[in-house]
Amino acid sequence: MCIPLLFLFLCCLFLVLPFFSQPTELMVGVAIILSGIPVYFLFVRTTRKPKLIYVPWISLTHWVQKMLYCVPESEEHLAE
């Protein structure tokens, strides 16, 4: 029981101390982390992606699969 509480205390301490010692660097880090939120909702979470994003993404996927020879096998080939 003592180890998880100690871990929680140290995590909170490491989270709070930079607010006082390096506020500028901390805000830059927070801004970088928060800038990932729109990227997540645009590329990962949504099921209906705009064509402007979807078509280049599929093209990039096909190009990477051709360059790295990492295309998954087809279902009919696996059944044999």
Protein backbone atom coordinates (compact mmCIF):
# COMPACT_ATOMS: atom_id res chain seq x y z
CA MET A 1 0.00 0.00 0.00
CA CYS A 2 2.89 2.34 0.71
CA ILE A 3 4.55 1.99 -2.72
CA PRO A 4 1.54 3.14 -4.81
CA LEU A 5 0.98 6.12 -2.52
CA LEU A 6 4.66 7.06 -2.72
CA PHE A 7 4.53 6.75 -6.50
CA LEU A 8 1.41 8.93 -6.67
CA PHE A 9 3.01 11.54 -4.43
CA LEU A 10 6.20 11.65 -6.52
CA CYS A 11 4.24 11.91 -9.77
CA CYS A 12 2.24 14.83 -8.39
CA LEU A 13 5.44 16.43 -7.13
CA PHE A 14 7.11 16.11 -10.54
CA LEU A 15 4.03 17.58 -12.14
CA VAL A 16 3.76 20.61 -9.83
CA LEU A 17 7.42 21.61 -9.38
CA PRO A 18 8.03 22.79 -12.97
CA PHE A 19 5.22 25.34 -12.56
CA PHE A 20 7.46 27.26 -10.18
CA SER A 21 10.94 26.65 -11.56
CA GLN A 22 10.44 26.76 -15.36
CA PRO A 23 7.00 28.14 -16.25
CA THR A 24 7.91 29.18 -19.82
CA GLU A 25 9.25 25.78 -20.83
CA LEU A 26 6.29 24.11 -19.16
CA MET A 27 3.81 26.20 -21.15
CA VAL A 28 5.61 25.36 -24.40
CA GLY A 29 5.36 21.67 -23.54
CA VAL A 30 1.69 21.97 -22.68
CA ALA A 31 1.05 23.81 -25.97
CA ILE A 32 2.79 21.03 -27.92
CA ILE A 33 0.73 18.38 -26.15
CA LEU A 34 -2.53 20.28 -26.68
CA SER A 35 -1.74 20.77 -30.38
CA GLY A 36 -2.11 17.00 -30.77
CA ILE A 37 -5.80 17.08 -29.84
CA PRO A 38 -7.08 18.40 -33.22
CA VAL A 39 -4.77 15.97 -35.02
CA TYR A 40 -6.25 13.09 -33.02
CA PHE A 41 -9.82 14.07 -33.78
CA LEU A 42 -9.09 14.71 -37.46
CA PHE A 43 -7.02 11.61 -38.28
CA VAL A 44 -7.78 8.97 -35.64
CA ARG A 45 -11.16 9.38 -34.04
CA THR A 46 -13.44 10.34 -36.91
CA THR A 47 -14.83 7.60 -39.10
CA ARG A 48 -15.88 9.93 -41.90
CA LYS A 49 -12.74 11.73 -42.98
CA PRO A 50 -12.81 14.56 -45.53
CA LYS A 51 -11.68 13.50 -49.03
CA LEU A 52 -8.97 16.14 -48.87
CA ILE A 53 -7.34 14.12 -46.09
CA TYR A 54 -8.46 10.59 -46.97
CA VAL A 55 -7.17 10.36 -50.57
CA PRO A 56 -3.56 11.45 -49.85
CA TRP A 57 -3.52 9.24 -46.75
CA ILE A 58 -4.49 6.17 -48.80
CA SER A 59 -1.90 7.07 -51.44
CA LEU A 60 0.77 7.37 -48.77
CA THR A 61 -0.27 4.04 -47.27
CA HIS A 62 -0.02 2.29 -50.64
CA TRP A 63 3.36 3.88 -51.35
CA VAL A 64 4.79 2.79 -47.98
CA GLN A 65 3.43 -0.74 -48.46
CA LYS A 66 5.13 -0.98 -51.86
CA MET A 67 8.44 0.42 -50.62
CA LEU A 68 8.63 -1.76 -47.51
CA TYR A 69 6.97 -4.88 -48.93
CA CYS A 70 4.51 -4.93 -46.05
CA VAL A 71 1.19 -5.59 -47.77
CA PRO A 72 -0.95 -8.04 -45.77
CA GLU A 73 -1.81 -11.33 -47.44
CA SER A 74 -5.26 -11.68 -48.94
CA GLU A 75 -7.89 -13.79 -47.20
CA GLU A 76 -8.15 -16.31 -50.05
CA HIS A 77 -4.39 -16.89 -49.97
CA LEU A 78 -4.52 -17.56 -46.22
CA ALA A 79 -7.36 -20.09 -46.61
CA GLU A 80 -5.25 -22.38 -48.84
